[in-house]
């Protein structure tokens, strides 16, 4: 039986004034998170919305190997890596985290 995978999703919103600084920083931060060995990949996306939301919103989705590795990330790495975000950006960003359980994945192959 295949082990269940989870996505650890971090959504962030921030003002225009720190956009370039944050984007440069997150491109260095993601490899640090992957370097914990708890995730097989990460996807950085820009959230596209029609509403009048101030600033920019991004989502980073980290795919874990299993529930156990996600729990190990929380226990062993999350506090340290979150502290880096707080130290760097303090009150300049708003973020929230969600977990998603992958039920099925579908792929298409064109011949």
C-alpha atoms as a PDB file:
ATOM      1  CA  UNK A   1       0.000   0.000   0.000  1.00  0.00           C
ATOM      2  CA  UNK A   2       1.294   3.450  -0.928  1.00  0.00           C
ATOM      3  CA  UNK A   3       1.979   5.824   1.957  1.00  0.00           C
ATOM      4  CA  UNK A   4      -0.328   8.844   2.175  1.00  0.00           C
ATOM      5  CA  UNK A   5       1.261  12.154   1.236  1.00  0.00           C
ATOM      6  CA  UNK A   6       0.413  15.561   2.593  1.00  0.00           C
ATOM      7  CA  UNK A   7       0.880  19.082   1.343  1.00  0.00           C
ATOM      8  CA  UNK A   8       1.999  21.677   3.848  1.00  0.00           C
ATOM      9  CA  UNK A   9       0.680  24.909   2.365  1.00  0.00           C
ATOM     10  CA  UNK A  10       1.886  28.346   3.464  1.00  0.00           C
ATOM     11  CA  UNK A  11      -0.048  31.317   2.090  1.00  0.00           C
ATOM     12  CA  UNK A  12       1.429  34.785   2.555  1.00  0.00           C
ATOM     13  CA  UNK A  13       0.217  38.287   1.805  1.00  0.00           C
ATOM     14  CA  UNK A  14       2.324  41.429   1.909  1.00  0.00           C
ATOM     15  CA  UNK A  15       2.513  44.986   0.646  1.00  0.00           C
ATOM     16  CA  UNK A  16       4.120  46.016  -2.635  1.00  0.00           C
ATOM     17  CA  UNK A  17       7.044  47.690  -0.855  1.00  0.00           C
ATOM     18  CA  UNK A  18       8.628  44.372   0.179  1.00  0.00           C
ATOM     19  CA  UNK A  19       7.705  42.298  -2.909  1.00  0.00           C
ATOM     20  CA  UNK A  20      11.177  42.069  -4.467  1.00  0.00           C
ATOM     21  CA  UNK A  21      12.908  41.517  -1.119  1.00  0.00           C
ATOM     22  CA  UNK A  22      10.451  38.772  -0.127  1.00  0.00           C
ATOM     23  CA  UNK A  23      10.651  37.032  -3.517  1.00  0.00           C
ATOM     24  CA  UNK A  24      14.457  36.956  -3.360  1.00  0.00           C
ATOM     25  CA  UNK A  25      14.317  35.687   0.231  1.00  0.00           C
ATOM     26  CA  UNK A  26      11.715  32.952  -0.371  1.00  0.00           C
ATOM     27  CA  UNK A  27      13.772  31.539  -3.247  1.00  0.00           C
ATOM     28  CA  UNK A  28      16.555  30.995  -0.697  1.00  0.00           C
ATOM     29  CA  UNK A  29      14.203  29.847   2.087  1.00  0.00           C
ATOM     30  CA  UNK A  30      12.483  27.079   0.097  1.00  0.00           C
ATOM     31  CA  UNK A  31      15.751  25.121  -0.411  1.00  0.00           C
ATOM     32  CA  UNK A  32      16.343  25.375   3.363  1.00  0.00           C
ATOM     33  CA  UNK A  33      12.956  23.804   4.044  1.00  0.00           C
ATOM     34  CA  UNK A  34      13.610  21.098   1.450  1.00  0.00           C
ATOM     35  CA  UNK A  35      17.028  20.600   3.024  1.00  0.00           C
ATOM     36  CA  UNK A  36      15.355  19.246   6.159  1.00  0.00           C
ATOM     37  CA  UNK A  37      14.708  16.052   4.193  1.00  0.00           C
ATOM     38  CA  UNK A  38      11.028  16.110   5.157  1.00  0.00           C
ATOM     39  CA  UNK A  39       9.615  17.112   1.757  1.00  0.00           C
ATOM     40  CA  UNK A  40      10.035  15.734  -1.732  1.00  0.00           C
ATOM     41  CA  UNK A  41       9.233  18.963  -3.574  1.00  0.00           C
ATOM     42  CA  UNK A  42       7.953  22.496  -3.257  1.00  0.00           C
ATOM     43  CA  UNK A  43       5.844  24.633  -5.559  1.00  0.00           C
ATOM     44  CA  UNK A  44       5.858  28.443  -5.361  1.00  0.00           C
ATOM     45  CA  UNK A  45       2.722  30.023  -6.819  1.00  0.00           C
ATOM     46  CA  UNK A  46       1.310  33.511  -7.070  1.00  0.00           C
ATOM     47  CA  UNK A  47      -2.335  33.640  -6.029  1.00  0.00           C
ATOM     48  CA  UNK A  48      -4.416  35.311  -8.725  1.00  0.00           C
ATOM     49  CA  UNK A  49      -7.526  36.949  -7.345  1.00  0.00           C
ATOM     50  CA  UNK A  50     -10.200  39.200  -8.753  1.00  0.00           C
ATOM     51  CA  UNK A  51     -11.005  40.821  -5.411  1.00  0.00           C
ATOM     52  CA  UNK A  52      -9.383  44.029  -4.246  1.00  0.00           C
ATOM     53  CA  UNK A  53      -6.775  42.479  -1.967  1.00  0.00           C
ATOM     54  CA  UNK A  54      -3.951  44.815  -1.096  1.00  0.00           C
ATOM     55  CA  UNK A  55      -0.426  43.786  -2.016  1.00  0.00           C
ATOM     56  CA  UNK A  56       0.649  40.369  -3.241  1.00  0.00           C
ATOM     57  CA  UNK A  57      -0.384  36.875  -2.200  1.00  0.00           C
ATOM     58  CA  UNK A  58       1.720  33.759  -2.744  1.00  0.00           C
ATOM     59  CA  UNK A  59       1.350  30.119  -1.809  1.00  0.00           C
ATOM     60  CA  UNK A  60       4.195  27.704  -1.175  1.00  0.00           C
ATOM     61  CA  UNK A  61       3.169  24.053  -1.255  1.00  0.00           C
ATOM     62  CA  UNK A  62       5.584  21.556   0.243  1.00  0.00           C
ATOM     63  CA  UNK A  63       4.793  17.901  -0.516  1.00  0.00           C
ATOM     64  CA  UNK A  64       5.753  15.639   2.384  1.00  0.00           C
ATOM     65  CA  UNK A  65       6.756  12.009   2.092  1.00  0.00           C
ATOM     66  CA  UNK A  66       4.250  10.957   4.771  1.00  0.00           C
ATOM     67  CA  UNK A  67       2.312  12.061   7.827  1.00  0.00           C
ATOM     68  CA  UNK A  68       5.270  10.989   9.950  1.00  0.00           C
ATOM     69  CA  UNK A  69       7.724  13.192   8.061  1.00  0.00           C
ATOM     70  CA  UNK A  70       5.358  16.160   8.245  1.00  0.00           C
ATOM     71  CA  UNK A  71       5.014  15.663  11.997  1.00  0.00           C
ATOM     72  CA  UNK A  72       8.804  15.389  12.278  1.00  0.00           C
ATOM     73  CA  UNK A  73       9.128  18.701  10.415  1.00  0.00           C
ATOM     74  CA  UNK A  74       6.842  20.380  12.960  1.00  0.00           C
ATOM     75  CA  UNK A  75       8.774  18.883  15.862  1.00  0.00           C
ATOM     76  CA  UNK A  76      12.338  19.340  14.581  1.00  0.00           C
ATOM     77  CA  UNK A  77      12.411  22.248  12.115  1.00  0.00           C
ATOM     78  CA  UNK A  78       9.282  24.413  11.934  1.00  0.00           C
ATOM     79  CA  UNK A  79       9.956  26.699  14.907  1.00  0.00           C
ATOM     80  CA  UNK A  80      13.480  27.545  13.739  1.00  0.00           C
ATOM     81  CA  UNK A  81      12.428  28.224  10.140  1.00  0.00           C
ATOM     82  CA  UNK A  82       9.378  30.249  11.176  1.00  0.00           C
ATOM     83  CA  UNK A  83      11.568  32.336  13.474  1.00  0.00           C
ATOM     84  CA  UNK A  84      13.669  33.330  10.456  1.00  0.00           C
ATOM     85  CA  UNK A  85      10.534  34.663   8.746  1.00  0.00           C
ATOM     86  CA  UNK A  86       9.526  36.623  11.832  1.00  0.00           C
ATOM     87  CA  UNK A  87      13.021  38.040  12.266  1.00  0.00           C
ATOM     88  CA  UNK A  88      13.261  39.098   8.633  1.00  0.00           C
ATOM     89  CA  UNK A  89       9.755  40.461   8.013  1.00  0.00           C
ATOM     90  CA  UNK A  90       8.131  40.901  11.462  1.00  0.00           C
ATOM     91  CA  UNK A  91       4.796  42.653  10.930  1.00  0.00           C
ATOM     92  CA  UNK A  92       5.231  43.157   7.187  1.00  0.00           C
ATOM     93  CA  UNK A  93       3.598  39.892   6.140  1.00  0.00           C
ATOM     94  CA  UNK A  94       0.445  38.019   7.007  1.00  0.00           C
ATOM     95  CA  UNK A  95       0.649  34.248   6.645  1.00  0.00           C
ATOM     96  CA  UNK A  96      -1.422  31.197   7.379  1.00  0.00           C
ATOM     97  CA  UNK A  97      -0.703  27.510   7.069  1.00  0.00           C
ATOM     98  CA  UNK A  98      -2.916  24.629   6.022  1.00  0.00           C
ATOM     99  CA  UNK A  99      -2.456  20.917   5.540  1.00  0.00           C
ATOM    100  CA  UNK A 100      -3.867  19.075   2.566  1.00  0.00           C
ATOM    101  CA  UNK A 101      -4.057  15.305   2.314  1.00  0.00           C
ATOM    102  CA  UNK A 102      -3.485  13.978  -1.194  1.00  0.00           C
ATOM    103  CA  UNK A 103      -6.301  11.561  -1.951  1.00  0.00           C
ATOM    104  CA  UNK A 104      -5.452  10.789  -5.588  1.00  0.00           C
ATOM    105  CA  UNK A 105      -3.162  12.185  -8.242  1.00  0.00           C
ATOM    106  CA  UNK A 106      -4.071  12.086 -11.913  1.00  0.00           C
ATOM    107  CA  UNK A 107      -1.746  12.466 -14.867  1.00  0.00           C
ATOM    108  CA  UNK A 108      -2.361  12.485 -18.567  1.00  0.00           C
ATOM    109  CA  UNK A 109      -0.056  11.125 -21.216  1.00  0.00           C
ATOM    110  CA  UNK A 110      -0.549  12.184 -24.802  1.00  0.00           C
ATOM    111  CA  UNK A 111       0.584   9.802 -27.533  1.00  0.00           C
END
